[in-house]
Amino acid sequence: MELKQGYKNTEVGKIPINWDIDLLENLTKVIDPHPSHRAPKSVDKGIPFLGIGDLNENGQIIKEKFRRVDEQIFEEHKLRYDLRKDLIGLGRVASIGKVIKLKNNIGKYTLSPTLGVLDSIGINKGYLYYILNSEYIKSYFSKIMSGSTRSSVGMIVLRKIPVPLPPLPEQKAIAQVLSDTDNLIQAIERKLAKKRAIKQGAMQQLLTPKEDWEVKKLGDFLVYEQPTDYIVTDTEYNDNYDIPVLTAGKTFILGYTNEKFGVFKDAPVIIFDDFTTATKFVDFHFKVKSSAMKILKKKNDSVDIRFIYELMQQIVFPLGDHKRHWIGEYQHIEIKVPKPKEQLEIATILSDMDAEIAQIEQKLSKYKMLKQGLMQNLLTGKIRLVCVE
């Protein structure tokens, strides 16, 4: 393939002709936070000794339990790295290549040798963070780990990582655009979390039984159907196809099929998964992936199925035989329900909230995809943010 004018081939791929390649050790101080690699003695009331698996990408502690060590370890580590700076952690054990913005506002803590600590000296800090998250570096780690049975890389390997290096003004511009995008994504995530919390509070209030609510059973309102006739066969998924294929868990829509036979069209219904008790409200045509996904339909017009779906979110389903949650055994679970009119009113309120949440989720997904595109283009020099001399 002919090389585009103004670009050159390098060990990390095609980059602009005025970009350089340099080693991480020349651009940062690559620090081994605990060079003895002997785990210090644990104590009950010490400070955190955090490894790569204890922190998320934003430097927040994500585990309830982690090793605690004497504060003297902090004094020893303080001679090697300063958490008051904008340091970056780079995973080298298990979560190899994981990039962490190390926080300085979560109290005293120390770091384990499962990561290397990077203190930038010849590279823009923001650009460093994003280039370490780029396909360049992911590809580099994939190559050095290919065929290896190791679950770690040495500090020497980290120091020799080749880094694409634009001129400093371009580094700053790239970092600013990506940081602004991240800030926007985080703002949307905060809004989404707030809306979900509001809905949770509304559910608690609206679904708490009142004095005039009647005691019924799930089986009074719902019948279930085995999905045998609607299971996909040997199919190829394609986003351009029309029929969604449903599965359990967070994914829910596994993909889209063009199989026209055996499509369930009698929506709205509730999908119940025998293994996880995950329930989903479905108001569109679909096929399913597994026979473990039962289709729950309303028996008659005395019930609003959306209301029953919301009520089912409050139920803790007991475990049945063979460690599965057989929906047939739960037709006898007692629930309290209002009159159909109130069911509809409650369902409408919660449905409107779900619609608003879905809009925010779509917006979040859009901006995450936008960021992926920006990283792909800006960090490879396909799009330039400064004039080339």
Protein backbone atom coordinates (compact mmCIF):
# COMPACT_ATOMS: atom_id res chain seq x y z
CA MET A 1 0.00 0.00 0.00
CA GLU A 2 1.37 3.39 -0.98
CA LEU A 3 2.37 5.57 1.96
CA LYS A 4 0.36 8.76 2.26
CA GLN A 5 2.38 11.90 1.62
CA GLY A 6 3.59 13.53 4.84
CA TYR A 7 3.72 10.23 6.76
CA LYS A 8 6.41 7.66 7.52
CA ASN A 9 6.55 4.02 8.55
CA THR A 10 7.87 3.37 12.06
CA GLU A 11 7.99 0.54 14.58
CA VAL A 12 4.61 1.71 15.91
CA GLY A 13 3.01 2.15 12.49
CA LYS A 14 2.41 5.10 10.19
CA ILE A 15 2.83 8.51 11.82
CA PRO A 16 3.26 12.08 10.53
CA ILE A 17 6.72 12.82 9.22
CA ASN A 18 7.38 15.49 11.86
CA TRP A 19 6.49 13.17 14.77
CA ASP A 20 9.26 11.36 16.61
CA ILE A 21 9.50 8.03 18.41
CA ASP A 22 11.09 7.91 21.84
CA LEU A 23 11.28 5.43 24.67
CA LEU A 24 9.13 5.82 27.75
CA GLU A 25 12.22 5.97 29.95
CA ASN A 26 13.39 9.11 28.10
CA LEU A 27 10.03 10.83 28.49
CA THR A 28 9.16 9.87 32.06
CA LYS A 29 10.65 8.67 35.26
CA VAL A 30 9.54 5.03 35.32
CA ILE A 31 9.46 4.21 39.01
CA ASP A 32 9.24 0.83 40.70
CA PRO A 33 7.12 1.79 43.73
CA HIS A 34 8.24 -1.12 45.92
CA PRO A 35 11.49 -2.46 44.47
CA SER A 36 12.04 -5.21 47.04
CA HIS A 37 8.86 -6.85 45.67
CA ARG A 38 8.32 -8.41 49.09
CA ALA A 39 4.83 -7.72 50.36
CA PRO A 40 5.10 -5.70 53.56
CA LYS A 41 3.50 -7.04 56.71
CA SER A 42 -0.24 -6.44 56.86
CA VAL A 43 -1.74 -4.52 59.78
CA ASP A 44 -5.35 -3.90 60.81
CA LYS A 45 -5.37 -0.11 60.99
CA GLY A 46 -2.64 1.00 58.63
CA ILE A 47 -2.75 2.81 55.31
CA PRO A 48 -3.75 1.14 52.00
CA PHE A 49 -1.11 -0.76 50.02
CA LEU A 50 -2.83 -0.74 46.63
CA GLY A 51 -2.22 -2.92 43.61
CA ILE A 52 -3.34 -2.58 40.01
CA GLY A 53 -6.57 -4.46 40.76
CA ASP A 54 -7.52 -2.24 43.70
CA LEU A 55 -7.90 0.94 41.62
CA ASN A 56 -10.01 1.95 38.65
CA GLU A 57 -8.77 4.06 35.75
CA ASN A 58 -9.59 7.26 37.65
CA GLY A 59 -7.54 6.23 40.67
CA GLN A 60 -10.50 5.43 42.90
CA ILE A 61 -10.35 2.46 45.25
CA ILE A 62 -12.78 -0.18 43.96
CA LYS A 63 -12.30 -3.04 46.44
CA GLU A 64 -13.78 -3.31 49.89
CA LYS A 65 -10.81 -5.26 51.16
CA PHE A 66 -7.18 -4.49 50.40
CA ARG A 67 -3.86 -4.86 52.16
CA ARG A 68 -3.08 -2.31 54.87
CA VAL A 69 0.47 -1.59 55.95
CA ASP A 70 2.25 0.45 58.58
CA GLU A 71 2.53 4.17 57.84
CA GLN A 72 6.31 3.77 57.80
CA ILE A 73 5.92 2.19 54.35
CA PHE A 74 4.44 5.49 53.16
CA GLU A 75 7.49 7.35 54.47
CA GLU A 76 9.75 4.95 52.55
CA HIS A 77 7.72 5.26 49.36
CA LYS A 78 7.63 9.05 49.62
CA LEU A 79 11.33 9.04 48.78
CA ARG A 80 10.55 7.37 45.44
CA TYR A 81 7.40 9.08 44.19
CA ASP A 82 5.22 12.04 45.18
CA LEU A 83 1.47 11.46 45.02
CA ARG A 84 0.88 15.21 45.05
CA LYS A 85 1.96 15.22 41.41
CA ASP A 86 -0.15 14.10 38.46
CA LEU A 87 1.34 10.62 38.31
CA ILE A 88 0.21 7.71 36.14
CA GLY A 89 0.15 4.05 37.09
CA LEU A 90 0.79 1.48 34.37
CA GLY A 91 -0.20 -2.12 35.07
CA ARG A 92 2.52 -4.73 34.70
CA VAL A 93 1.02 -7.71 36.59
CA ALA A 94 -2.29 -9.38 35.63
CA SER A 95 -3.96 -6.18 34.32
CA ILE A 96 -1.06 -5.54 31.97
CA GLY A 97 -1.24 -2.16 30.25
CA LYS A 98 -4.04 -0.81 32.46
CA VAL A 99 -3.58 2.95 32.82
CA ILE A 100 -4.51 4.75 36.04
CA LYS A 101 -4.62 8.44 36.92
CA LEU A 102 -3.23 8.25 40.44
CA LYS A 103 -5.25 10.34 42.89
CA ASN A 104 -3.81 12.57 45.58
CA ASN A 105 -7.12 13.27 47.34
CA ILE A 106 -8.02 9.86 48.79
CA GLY A 107 -5.78 10.07 51.83
CA LYS A 108 -2.41 8.45 52.39
CA TYR A 109 -1.73 5.26 50.46
CA THR A 110 1.16 3.35 48.96
CA LEU A 111 1.48 1.36 45.75
CA SER A 112 2.43 -2.23 45.13
CA PRO A 113 4.88 -3.34 42.41
CA THR A 114 1.99 -4.65 40.30
CA LEU A 115 2.29 -1.33 38.51
CA GLY A 116 4.95 1.08 37.42
CA VAL A 117 4.65 4.74 38.38
CA LEU A 118 5.23 7.31 35.63
CA ASP A 119 6.29 10.90 36.29
CA SER A 120 6.44 12.81 33.00
CA ILE A 121 9.54 14.85 32.30
CA GLY A 122 9.70 15.23 28.51
CA ILE A 123 6.11 14.82 27.45
CA ASN A 124 2.79 16.54 28.11
CA LYS A 125 1.08 14.76 31.03
CA GLY A 126 -2.33 14.71 29.39
CA TYR A 127 -0.95 13.41 26.11
CA LEU A 128 0.98 10.73 27.99
CA TYR A 129 -2.21 9.44 29.59
CA TYR A 130 -4.08 9.21 26.30
CA ILE A 131 -1.25 7.73 24.24
CA LEU A 132 -0.84 4.98 26.85
CA ASN A 133 -4.52 4.17 26.26
CA SER A 134 -4.06 4.14 22.48
CA GLU A 135 -4.09 1.22 20.08
CA TYR A 136 -0.36 1.77 19.59
CA ILE A 137 0.43 0.77 23.16
CA LYS A 138 -2.25 -1.94 23.37
CA SER A 139 -0.76 -3.50 20.24
CA TYR A 140 2.73 -3.25 21.75
CA PHE A 141 1.68 -5.14 24.88
CA SER A 142 -0.15 -7.74 22.76
CA LYS A 143 3.02 -8.41 20.78
CA ILE A 144 5.30 -8.81 23.78
CA MET A 145 2.77 -11.06 25.54
CA SER A 146 1.97 -13.15 22.45
CA GLY A 147 2.74 -16.82 23.11
CA SER A 148 3.87 -16.05 26.62
CA THR A 149 2.58 -17.85 29.70
CA ARG A 150 3.65 -14.95 31.89
CA SER A 151 1.12 -12.74 33.60
CA SER A 152 3.60 -9.93 34.17
CA VAL A 153 6.14 -7.75 32.42
CA GLY A 154 9.31 -6.39 33.96
CA MET A 155 10.15 -2.79 34.68
CA ILE A 156 12.78 -2.91 31.92
CA VAL A 157 10.05 -3.74 29.42
CA LEU A 158 7.96 -0.79 30.58
CA ARG A 159 10.92 1.53 30.23
CA LYS A 160 11.52 0.43 26.63
CA ILE A 161 7.98 1.11 25.38
CA PRO A 162 8.22 3.18 22.16
CA VAL A 163 5.99 6.25 22.26
CA PRO A 164 4.82 8.30 19.25
CA LEU A 165 5.70 11.91 20.00
CA PRO A 166 4.14 14.91 18.21
CA PRO A 167 5.58 18.39 18.72
CA LEU A 168 4.74 19.72 22.18
CA PRO A 169 2.05 22.22 21.00
CA GLU A 170 0.25 19.36 19.25
CA GLN A 171 0.57 17.13 22.32
CA LYS A 172 -1.14 19.84 24.37
CA ALA A 173 -3.87 20.36 21.77
CA ILE A 174 -4.59 16.62 21.54
CA ALA A 175 -4.71 16.29 25.31
CA GLN A 176 -7.07 19.26 25.59
CA VAL A 177 -9.57 17.93 23.04
CA LEU A 178 -9.63 14.47 24.60
CA SER A 179 -9.80 15.88 28.13
CA ASP A 180 -12.76 18.10 27.16
CA THR A 181 -14.48 15.04 25.68
CA ASP A 182 -13.82 13.06 28.85
CA ASN A 183 -15.27 15.88 30.96
CA LEU A 184 -18.40 15.87 28.83
CA ILE A 185 -18.72 12.09 29.14
CA GLN A 186 -18.28 12.30 32.91
CA ALA A 187 -20.96 15.00 33.13
CA ILE A 188 -23.38 12.76 31.22
CA GLU A 189 -22.48 9.83 33.47
CA ARG A 190 -23.22 11.94 36.57
CA LYS A 191 -26.56 12.99 35.10
CA LEU A 192 -27.36 9.37 34.28
CA ALA A 193 -26.49 8.22 37.81
CA LYS A 194 -28.71 10.98 39.23
CA LYS A 195 -31.67 10.01 37.03
CA ARG A 196 -31.27 6.35 37.97
CA ALA A 197 -31.21 7.27 41.66
CA ILE A 198 -34.36 9.38 41.22
CA LYS A 199 -36.10 6.47 39.53
CA GLN A 200 -35.01 4.12 42.31
CA GLY A 201 -36.51 6.49 44.87
CA ALA A 202 -39.71 6.79 42.84
CA MET A 203 -40.01 3.01 42.64
CA GLN A 204 -39.59 2.74 46.39
CA GLN A 205 -42.36 5.27 46.95
CA LEU A 206 -44.79 4.26 44.21
CA LEU A 207 -44.50 0.48 44.63
CA THR A 208 -44.82 0.43 48.42
CA PRO A 209 -48.25 -1.17 49.06
CA LYS A 210 -51.07 1.07 50.26
CA GLU A 211 -53.98 0.01 52.51
CA ASP A 212 -56.38 -0.56 49.62
CA TRP A 213 -53.97 -2.73 47.60
CA GLU A 214 -55.03 -6.37 47.18
CA VAL A 215 -52.96 -9.46 47.89
CA LYS A 216 -52.59 -11.50 44.71
CA LYS A 217 -50.16 -13.98 43.19
CA LEU A 218 -47.97 -13.59 40.14
CA GLY A 219 -49.85 -16.50 38.62
CA ASP A 220 -53.09 -14.48 38.83
CA PHE A 221 -51.71 -12.08 36.25
CA LEU A 222 -49.03 -13.84 34.22
CA VAL A 223 -48.66 -16.96 32.18
CA TYR A 224 -45.28 -18.04 30.87
CA GLU A 225 -44.28 -19.59 27.61
CA GLN A 226 -41.23 -21.66 26.73
CA PRO A 227 -39.39 -19.80 23.96
CA THR A 228 -38.69 -22.95 21.91
CA ASP A 229 -40.29 -21.64 18.74
CA TYR A 230 -38.39 -18.35 18.89
CA ILE A 231 -34.80 -19.49 19.45
CA VAL A 232 -32.28 -18.49 16.79
CA THR A 233 -30.71 -21.33 14.86
CA ASP A 234 -27.45 -21.02 12.94
CA THR A 235 -27.46 -17.28 12.38
CA GLU A 236 -25.06 -14.54 11.43
CA TYR A 237 -25.47 -11.32 13.41
CA ASN A 238 -25.41 -8.04 11.56
CA ASP A 239 -26.43 -4.56 12.70
CA ASN A 240 -28.17 -4.05 9.37
CA TYR A 241 -30.59 -6.90 10.05
CA ASP A 242 -34.04 -6.27 11.51
CA ILE A 243 -34.76 -8.77 14.29
CA PRO A 244 -33.03 -8.37 17.68
CA VAL A 245 -31.84 -11.54 19.45
CA LEU A 246 -32.23 -11.29 23.22
CA THR A 247 -29.94 -12.80 25.82
CA ALA A 248 -29.58 -12.56 29.58
CA GLY A 249 -27.54 -10.09 31.59
CA LYS A 250 -26.37 -6.59 30.76
CA THR A 251 -25.94 -7.26 27.04
CA PHE A 252 -29.65 -8.08 26.54
CA ILE A 253 -29.61 -7.54 22.76
CA LEU A 254 -26.97 -9.98 21.58
CA GLY A 255 -27.20 -8.91 17.96
CA TYR A 256 -29.57 -8.75 15.00
CA THR A 257 -30.65 -11.57 12.71
CA ASN A 258 -32.39 -11.81 9.36
CA GLU A 259 -34.19 -15.06 10.30
CA LYS A 260 -37.81 -14.29 9.50
CA PHE A 261 -39.33 -17.47 10.87
CA GLY A 262 -40.07 -17.97 14.55
CA VAL A 263 -40.18 -14.27 15.48
CA PHE A 264 -42.17 -13.44 18.63
CA LYS A 265 -44.61 -10.64 17.77
CA ASP A 266 -47.08 -10.65 20.68
CA ALA A 267 -45.40 -7.88 22.71
CA PRO A 268 -45.40 -6.32 25.27
CA VAL A 269 -44.08 -9.13 27.46
CA ILE A 270 -41.61 -9.71 30.28
CA ILE A 271 -38.50 -11.81 29.68
CA PHE A 272 -37.39 -13.83 32.71
CA ASP A 273 -34.03 -15.62 32.87
CA ASP A 274 -33.99 -18.87 34.85
CA PHE A 275 -30.32 -18.61 35.76
CA THR A 276 -30.07 -14.98 36.91
CA THR A 277 -33.72 -13.90 37.52
CA ALA A 278 -32.94 -10.94 35.26
CA THR A 279 -36.21 -9.48 33.98
CA LYS A 280 -36.62 -7.23 30.95
CA PHE A 281 -39.68 -5.43 29.62
CA VAL A 282 -39.93 -5.95 25.85
CA ASP A 283 -42.29 -4.09 23.57
CA PHE A 284 -40.85 -5.06 20.18
CA HIS A 285 -40.56 -8.17 17.97
CA PHE A 286 -37.67 -10.49 18.88
CA LYS A 287 -36.02 -13.89 18.92
CA VAL A 288 -34.10 -15.37 21.87
CA LYS A 289 -30.78 -17.13 22.32
CA SER A 290 -31.60 -19.57 25.09
CA SER A 291 -34.45 -21.73 26.37
CA ALA A 292 -33.63 -20.41 29.85
CA MET A 293 -35.34 -17.16 28.89
CA LYS A 294 -39.03 -17.50 29.62
CA ILE A 295 -41.65 -15.26 28.02
CA LEU A 296 -44.20 -13.92 30.53
CA LYS A 297 -47.51 -12.67 29.13
CA LYS A 298 -50.46 -11.11 30.91
CA LYS A 299 -53.52 -13.31 31.43
CA ASN A 300 -56.14 -10.64 30.94
CA ASP A 301 -56.80 -6.91 30.90
CA SER A 302 -57.10 -6.67 34.69
CA VAL A 303 -53.37 -6.04 34.89
CA ASP A 304 -50.89 -3.57 33.45
CA ILE A 305 -47.92 -5.71 32.49
CA ARG A 306 -45.53 -2.80 32.76
CA PHE A 307 -46.59 -2.33 36.38
CA ILE A 308 -46.02 -6.03 37.10
CA TYR A 309 -42.58 -5.78 35.50
CA GLU A 310 -41.65 -2.87 37.78
CA LEU A 311 -43.01 -4.78 40.78
CA MET A 312 -40.91 -7.81 39.87
CA GLN A 313 -37.77 -5.68 40.23
CA GLN A 314 -38.51 -5.62 43.97
CA ILE A 315 -38.79 -9.41 44.33
CA VAL A 316 -35.87 -11.55 45.53
CA PHE A 317 -36.49 -14.83 43.75
CA PRO A 318 -35.40 -17.92 45.74
CA LEU A 319 -33.15 -20.50 44.15
CA GLY A 320 -34.90 -23.55 42.75
CA ASP A 321 -33.67 -27.01 41.81
CA HIS A 322 -30.39 -27.43 39.93
CA LYS A 323 -29.37 -23.89 40.98
CA ARG A 324 -31.89 -22.36 38.60
CA HIS A 325 -34.78 -20.00 39.24
CA TRP A 326 -37.65 -21.87 37.66
CA ILE A 327 -40.31 -19.27 36.89
CA GLY A 328 -43.02 -21.95 37.06
CA GLU A 329 -42.36 -22.27 40.80
CA TYR A 330 -42.99 -18.57 41.35
CA GLN A 331 -46.54 -18.37 40.09
CA HIS A 332 -47.49 -18.66 43.78
CA ILE A 333 -45.41 -15.67 44.98
CA GLU A 334 -47.71 -13.18 46.68
CA ILE A 335 -47.72 -9.56 45.59
CA LYS A 336 -49.84 -6.54 46.50
CA VAL A 337 -51.42 -4.59 43.66
CA PRO A 338 -53.69 -1.56 43.28
CA LYS A 339 -56.65 -1.20 40.94
CA PRO A 340 -55.85 -1.29 37.19
CA LYS A 341 -56.15 2.50 36.85
CA GLU A 342 -53.51 3.10 39.52
CA GLN A 343 -51.33 0.39 38.02
CA LEU A 344 -51.41 2.26 34.72
CA GLU A 345 -50.60 5.60 36.37
CA ILE A 346 -47.63 4.15 38.23
CA ALA A 347 -46.38 2.29 35.17
CA THR A 348 -46.63 5.46 33.05
CA ILE A 349 -44.56 7.50 35.50
CA LEU A 350 -41.83 4.86 35.70
CA SER A 351 -41.93 4.23 31.96
CA ASP A 352 -41.43 7.94 31.26
CA MET A 353 -38.44 7.91 33.61
CA ASP A 354 -37.02 4.91 31.76
CA ALA A 355 -37.45 6.72 28.44
CA GLU A 356 -35.51 9.71 29.79
CA ILE A 357 -32.78 7.41 31.12
CA ALA A 358 -32.60 5.63 27.75
CA GLN A 359 -32.10 8.96 25.98
CA ILE A 360 -29.21 9.82 28.28
CA GLU A 361 -27.72 6.34 27.78
CA GLN A 362 -27.88 6.82 24.01
CA LYS A 363 -26.20 10.22 24.34
CA LEU A 364 -23.49 8.69 26.53
CA SER A 365 -22.92 5.90 24.01
CA LYS A 366 -22.69 8.48 21.21
CA TYR A 367 -20.02 10.52 22.98
CA LYS A 368 -18.03 7.42 23.94
CA MET A 369 -17.97 6.44 20.27
CA LEU A 370 -16.97 10.01 19.41
CA LYS A 371 -14.06 9.77 21.84
CA GLN A 372 -12.94 6.47 20.31
CA GLY A 373 -12.91 8.11 16.89
CA LEU A 374 -11.01 11.13 18.18
CA MET A 375 -8.38 8.95 19.82
CA GLN A 376 -7.96 6.87 16.68
CA ASN A 377 -7.52 9.96 14.51
CA LEU A 378 -5.65 12.35 16.81
CA LEU A 379 -3.21 9.85 18.30
CA THR A 380 -2.20 8.54 14.87
CA GLY A 381 -1.92 11.95 13.26
CA LYS A 382 -4.72 11.27 10.77
CA ILE A 383 -6.25 14.53 12.01
CA ARG A 384 -3.85 17.33 12.88
CA LEU A 385 -4.66 20.09 15.37
CA VAL A 386 -1.73 22.39 14.69
CA CYS A 387 -0.14 23.72 11.52
CA VAL A 388 2.66 21.58 10.15
CA GLU A 389 5.79 23.61 9.42
